[in-house]
Amino acid sequence: MANDIVRVQVHKSLVEVMEDIRNEIAKGLKGQYNLTEIEVPRTLSSRILAARSKGQKTIQFKLKKTSLNKGILEIIG
């Protein structure tokens, strides 16, 4: 996975948009899976934006529960 990550400089507004996407995903999954805490990868929002620009409608992921109320979101592929 580390080989897939590249550091770039972007405008502050894009960072805010990507954080909003991460928060939206986290809130939705917390409600869906009845979690109080979920760890979402920092690269998730950029992968979602890249997939959208390529016309993809879905991204596969799995949720690894670390305790009764906590989990980690893992991207597949």
C-alpha atoms as a PDB file:
ATOM      1  CA  MET A   1       0.000   0.000   0.000  1.00  0.00           C
ATOM      2  CA  ALA A   2       2.787   2.453   0.799  1.00  0.00           C
ATOM      3  CA  ASN A   3       3.960   2.227  -2.816  1.00  0.00           C
ATOM      4  CA  ASP A   4       0.549   3.548  -3.910  1.00  0.00           C
ATOM      5  CA  ILE A   5       0.823   6.766  -1.883  1.00  0.00           C
ATOM      6  CA  VAL A   6       2.395   9.895  -3.349  1.00  0.00           C
ATOM      7  CA  ARG A   7       2.815  13.237  -1.593  1.00  0.00           C
ATOM      8  CA  VAL A   8       1.503  16.255  -3.490  1.00  0.00           C
ATOM      9  CA  GLN A   9       0.813  19.874  -2.752  1.00  0.00           C
ATOM     10  CA  VAL A  10      -2.827  20.895  -3.075  1.00  0.00           C
ATOM     11  CA  HIS A  11      -4.906  23.938  -2.310  1.00  0.00           C
ATOM     12  CA  LYS A  12      -6.353  24.170   1.184  1.00  0.00           C
ATOM     13  CA  SER A  13      -9.906  23.986  -0.168  1.00  0.00           C
ATOM     14  CA  LEU A  14      -9.273  20.510  -1.613  1.00  0.00           C
ATOM     15  CA  VAL A  15      -7.990  19.313   1.757  1.00  0.00           C
ATOM     16  CA  GLU A  16     -11.205  20.581   3.366  1.00  0.00           C
ATOM     17  CA  VAL A  17     -13.326  18.769   0.763  1.00  0.00           C
ATOM     18  CA  MET A  18     -11.410  15.533   1.312  1.00  0.00           C
ATOM     19  CA  GLU A  19     -11.815  15.803   5.105  1.00  0.00           C
ATOM     20  CA  ASP A  20     -15.553  16.374   4.625  1.00  0.00           C
ATOM     21  CA  ILE A  21     -15.728  13.168   2.573  1.00  0.00           C
ATOM     22  CA  ARG A  22     -13.865  11.205   5.274  1.00  0.00           C
ATOM     23  CA  ASN A  23     -16.178  12.552   7.976  1.00  0.00           C
ATOM     24  CA  GLU A  24     -19.292  11.785   5.922  1.00  0.00           C
ATOM     25  CA  ILE A  25     -18.155   8.188   5.353  1.00  0.00           C
ATOM     26  CA  ALA A  26     -17.235   7.724   9.030  1.00  0.00           C
ATOM     27  CA  LYS A  27     -20.579   9.073  10.283  1.00  0.00           C
ATOM     28  CA  GLY A  28     -22.520   6.880   7.869  1.00  0.00           C
ATOM     29  CA  LEU A  29     -20.636   3.724   8.805  1.00  0.00           C
ATOM     30  CA  LYS A  30     -20.865   4.481  12.520  1.00  0.00           C
ATOM     31  CA  GLY A  31     -24.641   4.587  12.238  1.00  0.00           C
ATOM     32  CA  GLN A  32     -24.875   1.603   9.910  1.00  0.00           C
ATOM     33  CA  TYR A  33     -22.685  -0.664  12.062  1.00  0.00           C
ATOM     34  CA  ASN A  34     -23.603   0.845  15.450  1.00  0.00           C
ATOM     35  CA  LEU A  35     -20.058   1.998  16.265  1.00  0.00           C
ATOM     36  CA  THR A  36     -18.888   4.837  18.486  1.00  0.00           C
ATOM     37  CA  GLU A  37     -15.450   5.050  16.876  1.00  0.00           C
ATOM     38  CA  ILE A  38     -14.154   4.149  13.431  1.00  0.00           C
ATOM     39  CA  GLU A  39     -10.690   4.631  11.984  1.00  0.00           C
ATOM     40  CA  VAL A  40     -10.842   5.768   8.355  1.00  0.00           C
ATOM     41  CA  PRO A  41      -7.661   5.769   6.225  1.00  0.00           C
ATOM     42  CA  ARG A  42      -6.434   9.248   5.323  1.00  0.00           C
ATOM     43  CA  THR A  43      -6.189   8.211   1.666  1.00  0.00           C
ATOM     44  CA  LEU A  44      -9.859   7.209   1.478  1.00  0.00           C
ATOM     45  CA  SER A  45     -11.135  10.563   0.264  1.00  0.00           C
ATOM     46  CA  SER A  46      -8.536  10.853  -2.492  1.00  0.00           C
ATOM     47  CA  ARG A  47      -9.364   7.321  -3.636  1.00  0.00           C
ATOM     48  CA  ILE A  48     -13.071   8.211  -3.716  1.00  0.00           C
ATOM     49  CA  LEU A  49     -12.388  11.361  -5.747  1.00  0.00           C
ATOM     50  CA  ALA A  50     -10.168   9.408  -8.158  1.00  0.00           C
ATOM     51  CA  ALA A  51     -12.798   6.685  -8.554  1.00  0.00           C
ATOM     52  CA  ARG A  52     -15.544   9.253  -9.201  1.00  0.00           C
ATOM     53  CA  SER A  53     -13.474  10.979 -11.862  1.00  0.00           C
ATOM     54  CA  LYS A  54     -12.929   7.590 -13.551  1.00  0.00           C
ATOM     55  CA  GLY A  55     -16.664   6.871 -13.509  1.00  0.00           C
ATOM     56  CA  GLN A  56     -16.596   4.227 -10.768  1.00  0.00           C
ATOM     57  CA  LYS A  57     -19.736   4.069  -8.659  1.00  0.00           C
ATOM     58  CA  THR A  58     -18.449   1.865  -5.821  1.00  0.00           C
ATOM     59  CA  ILE A  59     -15.314   1.137  -3.843  1.00  0.00           C
ATOM     60  CA  GLN A  60     -14.946  -2.173  -2.050  1.00  0.00           C
ATOM     61  CA  PHE A  61     -14.013  -2.105   1.608  1.00  0.00           C
ATOM     62  CA  LYS A  62     -14.229  -4.222   4.702  1.00  0.00           C
ATOM     63  CA  LEU A  63     -14.818  -3.155   8.253  1.00  0.00           C
ATOM     64  CA  LYS A  64     -12.578  -4.825  10.811  1.00  0.00           C
ATOM     65  CA  LYS A  65     -14.180  -4.595  14.241  1.00  0.00           C
ATOM     66  CA  THR A  66     -11.553  -4.102  16.928  1.00  0.00           C
ATOM     67  CA  SER A  67     -14.031  -4.144  19.802  1.00  0.00           C
ATOM     68  CA  LEU A  68     -17.779  -4.053  20.345  1.00  0.00           C
ATOM     69  CA  ASN A  69     -18.054  -0.330  19.487  1.00  0.00           C
ATOM     70  CA  LYS A  70     -14.904   0.314  17.432  1.00  0.00           C
ATOM     71  CA  GLY A  71     -13.647  -0.602  13.996  1.00  0.00           C
ATOM     72  CA  ILE A  72     -11.145   0.081  11.228  1.00  0.00           C
ATOM     73  CA  LEU A  73     -12.186   0.643   7.633  1.00  0.00           C
ATOM     74  CA  GLU A  74      -9.937  -1.180   5.175  1.00  0.00           C
ATOM     75  CA  ILE A  75      -9.993  -0.562   1.431  1.00  0.00           C
ATOM     76  CA  ILE A  76      -9.889  -3.682  -0.735  1.00  0.00           C
ATOM     77  CA  GLY A  77      -7.884  -3.474  -3.947  1.00  0.00           C
END
